[in-house]
Amino acid sequence: MKQFFALVAAVLMLPGLASAQDNYRVKPGDLLQVEVIEDPSINRQVLVTPDGRVSVPLAGTVRASGRSLEQVQADIASKLAPNFATKPTVFVSVNSVAYEDPTLADIGPTIDVYVLGEVASAGKFAVSPGTNILQLLAEIGGFSDFAATKRIQLRRKDKSGAERVYNVNYEAILEGQSSVGTTTLTSGDVIIVPQRRLFE
């Protein structure tokens, strides 16, 4: 595994690729891959949220938007350092970029919402105003086989900027026991679908 990351590091040092890495600036909606050689349990894909941050275990939240991958990488490594005997080796790469379709201007206004976790397609989505939670879940292709569909979260900021977390129980929606699926999405909403726990 270490040899693999050493090879990746060497490849990224090639002039053309290194320049592309240095010139790219992270933006909300990007999906980043975080790799920590010393502790693979931290390795994961992280979504850059509307406020421009990512969340990494043991490191907490890290500002990402507007920064280079190298800057994000260094910040994560610095925040992880107290948990290791020596400063950990961290690699950050772009798994997918937030895509903005220029043709959307022709079909009217849209709002940006974000989906992360155990879904068929994670990332930033431009949807029509009035789209509800169930419609968004259908648009992204549903869940992965490991989705904890009873513990979906809708994270939304109020006018003061404070974040509120709402539980969305997809199974209760299907059984007609909850109407939360008809909740209209607002710009900046984040849907998180966690992974199932053992025996869940």
Protein backbone atom coordinates (compact mmCIF):
# COMPACT_ATOMS: atom_id res chain seq x y z
CA MET A 1 0.00 0.00 0.00
CA LYS A 2 2.81 2.44 0.87
CA GLN A 3 4.47 1.71 -2.46
CA PHE A 4 1.21 2.56 -4.22
CA PHE A 5 0.94 5.96 -2.53
CA ALA A 6 4.62 6.63 -3.17
CA LEU A 7 3.95 5.98 -6.87
CA VAL A 8 0.91 8.29 -6.80
CA ALA A 9 3.02 11.00 -5.17
CA ALA A 10 5.73 10.57 -7.79
CA VAL A 11 3.22 10.80 -10.64
CA LEU A 12 1.70 13.96 -9.18
CA MET A 13 5.14 15.52 -9.22
CA LEU A 14 5.24 15.36 -13.03
CA PRO A 15 5.23 18.97 -14.29
CA GLY A 16 1.88 18.90 -16.11
CA LEU A 17 -0.07 17.06 -13.43
CA ALA A 18 1.50 18.96 -10.56
CA SER A 19 0.54 22.23 -12.23
CA ALA A 20 -3.06 21.06 -12.71
CA GLN A 21 -3.26 20.01 -9.06
CA ASP A 22 -1.82 23.34 -7.87
CA ASN A 23 -4.04 25.45 -10.12
CA TYR A 24 -7.35 23.74 -9.25
CA ARG A 25 -9.41 25.46 -6.58
CA VAL A 26 -11.91 23.38 -4.65
CA LYS A 27 -15.53 24.52 -4.72
CA PRO A 28 -18.80 23.56 -2.99
CA GLY A 29 -20.26 20.39 -4.45
CA ASP A 30 -16.88 18.80 -5.22
CA LEU A 31 -16.40 15.27 -3.95
CA LEU A 32 -12.89 14.79 -2.55
CA GLN A 33 -11.05 11.56 -1.75
CA VAL A 34 -9.04 11.67 1.49
CA GLU A 35 -6.37 9.01 2.08
CA VAL A 36 -4.29 8.67 5.27
CA ILE A 37 -1.48 6.12 4.96
CA GLU A 38 -1.02 5.67 8.71
CA ASP A 39 -4.72 4.96 9.38
CA PRO A 40 -6.81 3.66 6.44
CA SER A 41 -9.96 3.75 8.61
CA ILE A 42 -10.00 7.52 8.02
CA ASN A 43 -9.98 7.09 4.22
CA ARG A 44 -13.22 8.29 2.67
CA GLN A 45 -14.99 10.47 0.15
CA VAL A 46 -16.03 13.84 1.55
CA LEU A 47 -18.43 16.33 0.04
CA VAL A 48 -17.56 20.02 0.08
CA THR A 49 -20.67 21.49 1.72
CA PRO A 50 -22.31 24.78 0.69
CA ASP A 51 -20.30 26.67 3.34
CA GLY A 52 -17.09 25.38 1.72
CA ARG A 53 -16.01 22.87 4.37
CA VAL A 54 -15.34 19.14 4.60
CA SER A 55 -15.59 16.91 7.64
CA VAL A 56 -12.86 14.36 8.38
CA PRO A 57 -12.77 11.98 11.40
CA LEU A 58 -10.27 13.09 14.08
CA ALA A 59 -9.63 16.32 12.17
CA GLY A 60 -13.09 17.87 12.42
CA THR A 61 -14.18 20.42 9.83
CA VAL A 62 -11.63 21.83 7.42
CA ARG A 63 -12.07 24.81 5.09
CA ALA A 64 -11.73 23.62 1.50
CA SER A 65 -13.53 25.95 -0.90
CA GLY A 66 -11.26 28.34 -2.78
CA ARG A 67 -8.12 26.47 -1.73
CA SER A 68 -5.77 24.18 -3.65
CA LEU A 69 -5.76 20.43 -2.98
CA GLU A 70 -2.29 20.83 -1.48
CA GLN A 71 -3.56 23.42 1.01
CA VAL A 72 -6.51 21.24 2.04
CA GLN A 73 -4.17 18.26 2.35
CA ALA A 74 -1.74 20.20 4.59
CA ASP A 75 -4.57 21.49 6.80
CA ILE A 76 -6.01 17.99 7.31
CA ALA A 77 -2.56 16.57 8.10
CA SER A 78 -1.96 19.37 10.63
CA LYS A 79 -5.28 18.78 12.38
CA LEU A 80 -4.72 15.01 12.44
CA ALA A 81 -1.15 15.32 13.81
CA PRO A 82 -2.06 15.31 17.55
CA ASN A 83 -3.55 11.83 17.07
CA PHE A 84 -0.33 10.32 15.70
CA ALA A 85 3.24 9.86 16.93
CA THR A 86 4.48 11.66 13.80
CA LYS A 87 2.67 13.91 11.34
CA PRO A 88 0.52 11.63 9.13
CA THR A 89 0.87 11.33 5.37
CA VAL A 90 -2.33 12.64 3.78
CA PHE A 91 -3.37 12.62 0.11
CA VAL A 92 -6.36 14.60 -1.15
CA SER A 93 -7.65 14.24 -4.70
CA VAL A 94 -10.81 15.21 -6.58
CA ASN A 95 -13.17 12.27 -7.03
CA SER A 96 -15.72 14.34 -8.96
CA VAL A 97 -16.19 18.04 -9.54
CA ALA A 98 -19.37 20.03 -9.08
CA TYR A 99 -20.77 20.15 -12.57
CA GLU A 100 -22.82 23.10 -13.72
CA ASP A 101 -24.67 22.51 -16.95
CA PRO A 102 -24.68 25.69 -19.07
CA THR A 103 -27.95 24.60 -20.68
CA LEU A 104 -29.75 24.97 -17.35
CA ALA A 105 -30.14 28.67 -18.08
CA ASP A 106 -32.55 27.70 -20.83
CA ILE A 107 -34.91 25.81 -18.54
CA GLY A 108 -35.41 28.42 -15.84
CA PRO A 109 -34.00 28.97 -12.36
CA THR A 110 -32.62 26.13 -10.27
CA ILE A 111 -31.43 25.62 -6.70
CA ASP A 112 -28.34 23.71 -5.59
CA VAL A 113 -28.73 20.77 -3.21
CA TYR A 114 -26.09 18.29 -2.08
CA VAL A 115 -26.24 14.54 -1.52
CA LEU A 116 -23.64 12.46 0.29
CA GLY A 117 -23.29 8.91 1.54
CA GLU A 118 -24.80 5.60 0.50
CA VAL A 119 -26.55 6.68 -2.70
CA ALA A 120 -26.24 5.74 -6.34
CA SER A 121 -24.87 9.18 -7.23
CA ALA A 122 -23.45 11.64 -4.70
CA GLY A 123 -22.56 15.28 -5.30
CA LYS A 124 -24.13 18.63 -6.11
CA PHE A 125 -27.44 18.73 -7.98
CA ALA A 126 -29.20 21.65 -9.61
CA VAL A 127 -32.94 21.02 -9.27
CA SER A 128 -36.05 23.02 -10.02
CA PRO A 129 -37.56 25.08 -7.19
CA GLY A 130 -40.37 23.08 -5.61
CA THR A 131 -38.54 19.73 -5.86
CA ASN A 132 -39.18 17.60 -2.78
CA ILE A 133 -37.04 15.00 -1.00
CA LEU A 134 -38.60 11.97 -2.71
CA GLN A 135 -38.20 13.51 -6.14
CA LEU A 136 -34.52 14.22 -5.45
CA LEU A 137 -33.93 10.64 -4.27
CA ALA A 138 -35.48 9.39 -7.50
CA GLU A 139 -33.33 11.77 -9.56
CA ILE A 140 -30.07 10.51 -8.02
CA GLY A 141 -30.97 6.87 -8.66
CA GLY A 142 -31.83 5.74 -5.14
CA PHE A 143 -29.63 4.11 -2.52
CA SER A 144 -26.69 1.72 -2.37
CA ASP A 145 -27.09 -1.74 -0.83
CA PHE A 146 -25.55 -0.46 2.41
CA ALA A 147 -27.81 2.54 3.02
CA ALA A 148 -29.38 3.08 6.44
CA THR A 149 -32.67 4.30 4.99
CA LYS A 150 -34.25 4.82 8.41
CA ARG A 151 -31.59 7.37 9.42
CA ILE A 152 -31.36 9.73 6.46
CA GLN A 153 -30.57 13.31 7.47
CA LEU A 154 -31.71 16.57 5.94
CA ARG A 155 -29.33 19.35 7.01
CA ARG A 156 -30.62 22.86 6.49
CA LYS A 157 -29.43 26.29 7.59
CA ASP A 158 -31.97 28.77 8.90
CA LYS A 159 -31.91 32.52 8.27
CA SER A 160 -29.49 33.07 11.16
CA GLY A 161 -27.02 30.59 9.65
CA ALA A 162 -27.58 27.93 12.32
CA GLU A 163 -27.79 24.39 11.00
CA ARG A 164 -30.78 22.21 11.80
CA VAL A 165 -30.84 18.45 11.28
CA TYR A 166 -34.08 16.66 10.37
CA ASN A 167 -34.54 12.89 10.36
CA VAL A 168 -35.95 11.32 7.20
CA ASN A 169 -37.16 7.73 7.63
CA TYR A 170 -37.55 6.48 4.05
CA GLU A 171 -39.18 3.21 5.13
CA ALA A 172 -41.81 5.10 7.14
CA ILE A 173 -42.50 7.22 4.05
CA LEU A 174 -43.05 4.10 1.92
CA GLU A 175 -45.43 2.70 4.55
CA GLY A 176 -47.45 5.92 4.62
CA GLN A 177 -46.46 6.69 8.21
CA SER A 178 -44.56 9.88 7.39
CA SER A 179 -45.12 12.77 5.01
CA VAL A 180 -41.60 14.19 5.34
CA GLY A 181 -40.83 12.97 1.80
CA THR A 182 -42.99 15.79 0.43
CA THR A 183 -40.81 18.41 2.15
CA THR A 184 -39.76 21.00 -0.43
CA LEU A 185 -36.00 21.43 -0.76
CA THR A 186 -34.35 24.82 -0.43
CA SER A 187 -31.04 26.02 -1.85
CA GLY A 188 -28.07 24.68 0.10
CA ASP A 189 -29.89 21.68 1.61
CA VAL A 190 -27.66 18.68 2.29
CA ILE A 191 -29.02 15.11 2.29
CA ILE A 192 -26.83 12.56 4.07
CA VAL A 193 -27.51 8.83 3.78
CA PRO A 194 -25.39 6.98 6.38
CA GLN A 195 -24.10 3.43 6.16
CA ARG A 196 -26.00 0.65 7.87
CA ARG A 197 -24.67 -0.55 11.19
CA LEU A 198 -24.05 -4.26 11.86
CA PHE A 199 -27.41 -6.09 12.13
CA GLU A 200 -29.34 -2.95 11.26
